[in-house]
Amino acid sequence: MFEKLIKRIAHSLLFSVSHNFDVHHRIIFGVSMRWIWIDRFTEFQSGKKAKAVKNLSLAEDWCIEHFPGFPVMPACLLLEGLAQTGGILVGEANQFREKVVLAKISKAIFYGDAFPGQQLTYSAEILVLRAEGATVRGEIHNGSQAIAEAEIFFAHLDQNMSSKIFGNDNFVFGGELKSLLKMSHISTFDSSVAQGS
């Protein structure tokens, strides 16, 4: 029963998110926004935890409209950076064999805002890792100041269903996200590697 629910969630997410994401951002912001919301990893312990940073600047696309004259990073983009940190951690735990998608944010608490000029640190820790997916606990900080925390469930897509829709390539971890690990000098397939610890 749990597996059928995951398949239904993943199926609906695949069609709604992939089609609507760029359309919504073009409508809201009037521009096509970039998709990567972390700059680099500073720590990575395979199957356990990871830390990544994002340097915010006035050159960010969201500064144009959110809000003119007083740019505040949208909460959804804060969560997206955290989800990318956690999603790469979950994907790497299975050597990127699984297509990992964000299925549910079961809890999100915001303590403050994020502004240009700040460096955000995204911390993610795997709480549960199973064949169906993984639960990750994450925190966002600006220095010692807590900005947000969240608990995120990532689903592993059914290989047969996703292959029919997207082919055999792993569209989730195609290039840019995996290259963040390489740029940080972190081996993506050696589970004994831990950087920054």
Protein backbone atom coordinates (compact mmCIF):
# COMPACT_ATOMS: atom_id res chain seq x y z
CA MET A 1 0.00 0.00 0.00
CA PHE A 2 2.81 2.42 0.90
CA GLU A 3 4.56 1.63 -2.36
CA LYS A 4 1.40 2.37 -4.39
CA LEU A 5 1.02 5.71 -2.62
CA ILE A 6 4.63 6.62 -3.42
CA LYS A 7 4.09 5.70 -7.08
CA ARG A 8 0.97 7.90 -7.27
CA ILE A 9 2.72 10.83 -5.62
CA ALA A 10 5.77 10.49 -7.86
CA HIS A 11 3.62 10.21 -10.99
CA SER A 12 1.64 13.35 -10.21
CA LEU A 13 4.77 15.26 -9.24
CA LEU A 14 6.56 14.35 -12.44
CA PHE A 15 3.87 15.84 -14.63
CA SER A 16 2.85 18.86 -12.57
CA VAL A 17 6.30 20.03 -11.46
CA SER A 18 8.19 19.56 -14.71
CA HIS A 19 5.53 21.35 -16.76
CA ASN A 20 4.57 24.13 -14.38
CA PHE A 21 7.87 25.11 -12.74
CA ASP A 22 9.29 27.21 -15.56
CA VAL A 23 5.86 28.58 -16.51
CA HIS A 24 5.18 29.82 -12.97
CA HIS A 25 8.59 31.44 -12.66
CA ARG A 26 8.17 33.21 -15.99
CA ILE A 27 4.79 34.53 -14.88
CA ILE A 28 5.90 35.55 -11.38
CA PHE A 29 9.33 36.91 -12.16
CA GLY A 30 9.14 37.54 -15.91
CA VAL A 31 12.42 35.70 -16.43
CA SER A 32 13.59 32.12 -16.68
CA MET A 33 15.32 31.48 -13.37
CA ARG A 34 18.25 29.17 -12.85
CA TRP A 35 17.62 25.85 -11.18
CA ILE A 36 20.66 25.27 -8.92
CA TRP A 37 20.24 26.91 -5.49
CA ILE A 38 23.49 25.86 -3.80
CA ASP A 39 26.99 27.02 -4.72
CA ARG A 40 29.17 24.24 -3.30
CA PHE A 41 29.44 21.53 -0.68
CA THR A 42 31.64 22.14 2.35
CA GLU A 43 31.03 18.76 4.00
CA PHE A 44 29.77 15.43 2.72
CA GLN A 45 29.52 12.14 4.61
CA SER A 46 28.04 9.50 2.32
CA GLY A 47 24.67 8.22 3.47
CA LYS A 48 24.74 10.41 6.58
CA LYS A 49 24.96 14.18 6.28
CA ALA A 50 26.04 17.08 4.10
CA LYS A 51 26.58 20.83 4.26
CA ALA A 52 26.40 23.24 1.35
CA VAL A 53 26.64 27.01 1.04
CA LYS A 54 24.83 29.59 -1.05
CA ASN A 55 26.14 33.15 -1.37
CA LEU A 56 23.31 35.58 -1.95
CA SER A 57 23.89 38.65 -4.12
CA LEU A 58 21.82 41.43 -5.65
CA ALA A 59 22.40 39.74 -9.02
CA GLU A 60 19.98 36.94 -8.06
CA ASP A 61 16.92 36.73 -10.32
CA TRP A 62 14.49 36.86 -7.40
CA CYS A 63 15.77 40.29 -6.29
CA ILE A 64 13.98 41.89 -9.23
CA GLU A 65 10.46 41.22 -8.00
CA HIS A 66 10.67 39.89 -4.44
CA PHE A 67 10.53 42.72 -3.36
CA PRO A 68 11.50 45.80 -5.41
CA GLY A 69 13.67 48.00 -3.20
CA PHE A 70 13.75 45.41 -0.39
CA PRO A 71 14.91 42.04 -1.76
CA VAL A 72 14.06 39.05 0.46
CA MET A 73 14.81 35.51 -0.71
CA PRO A 74 11.49 33.67 -1.21
CA ALA A 75 10.86 30.90 1.33
CA CYS A 76 10.25 28.38 -1.46
CA LEU A 77 13.77 28.99 -2.80
CA LEU A 78 15.25 28.60 0.68
CA LEU A 79 13.54 25.20 0.85
CA GLU A 80 14.67 24.36 -2.68
CA GLY A 81 18.33 24.88 -1.70
CA LEU A 82 17.81 22.65 1.32
CA ALA A 83 16.04 20.07 -0.83
CA GLN A 84 18.90 20.06 -3.34
CA THR A 85 21.43 19.53 -0.55
CA GLY A 86 19.37 16.67 0.90
CA GLY A 87 18.43 15.25 -2.49
CA ILE A 88 22.05 14.95 -3.60
CA LEU A 89 22.87 13.30 -0.27
CA VAL A 90 20.06 10.76 -0.78
CA GLY A 91 20.98 10.18 -4.44
CA GLU A 92 24.65 9.64 -3.67
CA ALA A 93 23.76 7.13 -0.93
CA ASN A 94 22.55 4.86 -3.77
CA GLN A 95 25.35 5.83 -6.19
CA PHE A 96 22.77 7.87 -8.18
CA ARG A 97 21.03 4.69 -9.41
CA GLU A 98 17.65 5.98 -8.21
CA LYS A 99 15.68 8.91 -9.55
CA VAL A 100 15.09 10.95 -6.39
CA VAL A 101 12.28 13.51 -6.23
CA LEU A 102 10.98 15.68 -3.44
CA ALA A 103 7.67 14.10 -2.46
CA LYS A 104 6.68 15.90 0.74
CA ILE A 105 7.78 18.61 3.13
CA SER A 106 6.22 17.35 6.34
CA LYS A 107 7.47 20.26 8.47
CA ALA A 108 8.96 23.66 7.73
CA ILE A 109 9.62 26.35 10.31
CA PHE A 110 10.99 29.78 9.40
CA TYR A 111 12.83 31.88 11.98
CA GLY A 112 14.03 34.75 9.81
CA ASP A 113 14.58 36.09 6.31
CA ALA A 114 17.53 35.81 3.95
CA PHE A 115 18.93 38.87 2.15
CA PRO A 116 21.58 39.66 -0.49
CA GLY A 117 25.06 39.79 1.02
CA GLN A 118 24.50 36.80 3.29
CA GLN A 119 26.02 33.34 3.03
CA LEU A 120 23.53 30.61 3.77
CA THR A 121 24.60 27.23 5.08
CA TYR A 122 22.33 24.29 4.27
CA SER A 123 22.75 21.27 6.59
CA ALA A 124 21.03 17.99 5.75
CA GLU A 125 21.01 14.70 7.66
CA ILE A 126 19.41 11.44 6.56
CA LEU A 127 17.01 10.19 9.25
CA VAL A 128 15.60 7.20 7.31
CA LEU A 129 16.82 5.58 4.08
CA ARG A 130 14.70 2.81 2.56
CA ALA A 131 14.00 1.33 -0.86
CA GLU A 132 10.97 3.63 -1.30
CA GLY A 133 12.82 6.81 -0.41
CA ALA A 134 14.37 8.77 2.43
CA THR A 135 13.52 11.28 5.14
CA VAL A 136 15.96 14.13 5.63
CA ARG A 137 16.13 16.72 8.39
CA GLY A 138 17.60 20.03 7.31
CA GLU A 139 18.55 23.41 8.70
CA ILE A 140 19.40 26.73 7.08
CA HIS A 141 21.70 29.22 8.85
CA ASN A 142 23.25 32.60 8.16
CA GLY A 143 26.33 32.35 10.35
CA SER A 144 24.99 31.36 13.76
CA GLN A 145 21.50 32.73 13.04
CA ALA A 146 18.87 30.06 12.28
CA ILE A 147 16.81 30.95 9.21
CA ALA A 148 14.69 27.79 8.81
CA GLU A 149 14.44 24.07 9.43
CA ALA A 150 12.50 21.39 7.60
CA GLU A 151 11.82 17.68 7.37
CA ILE A 152 11.67 16.46 3.77
CA PHE A 153 10.64 13.13 2.30
CA PHE A 154 12.29 12.12 -0.99
CA ALA A 155 10.73 9.35 -3.07
CA HIS A 156 12.65 6.96 -5.31
CA LEU A 157 10.73 6.74 -8.57
CA ASP A 158 9.66 3.35 -9.79
CA GLN A 159 12.31 2.38 -12.37
CA ASN A 160 9.82 0.82 -14.81
CA MET A 161 7.39 3.76 -14.75
CA SER A 162 10.03 6.48 -14.95
CA SER A 163 11.88 4.66 -17.75
CA LYS A 164 8.71 4.64 -19.83
CA ILE A 165 8.21 8.36 -19.31
CA PHE A 166 11.79 9.68 -19.32
CA GLY A 167 13.92 6.89 -20.75
CA ASN A 168 16.79 5.25 -18.93
CA ASP A 169 18.79 8.42 -18.25
CA ASN A 170 18.68 9.76 -14.73
CA PHE A 171 17.13 13.17 -15.40
CA VAL A 172 17.41 14.15 -11.73
CA PHE A 173 21.18 13.72 -11.47
CA GLY A 174 22.12 14.42 -15.07
CA GLY A 175 25.02 16.78 -14.72
CA GLU A 176 24.81 20.05 -12.83
CA LEU A 177 23.90 18.60 -9.44
CA LYS A 178 26.51 15.84 -9.61
CA SER A 179 29.12 18.36 -10.74
CA LEU A 180 28.67 20.21 -7.42
CA LEU A 181 30.17 17.19 -5.68
CA LYS A 182 33.06 17.03 -8.14
CA MET A 183 33.79 20.75 -7.76
CA SER A 184 33.99 20.23 -4.01
CA HIS A 185 36.54 17.45 -4.57
CA ILE A 186 34.17 14.88 -3.13
CA SER A 187 34.14 11.46 -4.72
CA THR A 188 30.60 10.54 -5.73
CA PHE A 189 31.14 6.80 -5.54
CA ASP A 190 33.53 6.32 -2.64
CA SER A 191 31.47 6.07 0.53
CA SER A 192 34.55 6.30 2.72
CA VAL A 193 35.18 9.91 1.66
CA ALA A 194 34.12 12.58 4.13
CA GLN A 195 35.17 16.15 3.59
CA GLY A 196 35.27 18.83 6.25
CA SER A 197 34.84 16.52 9.22
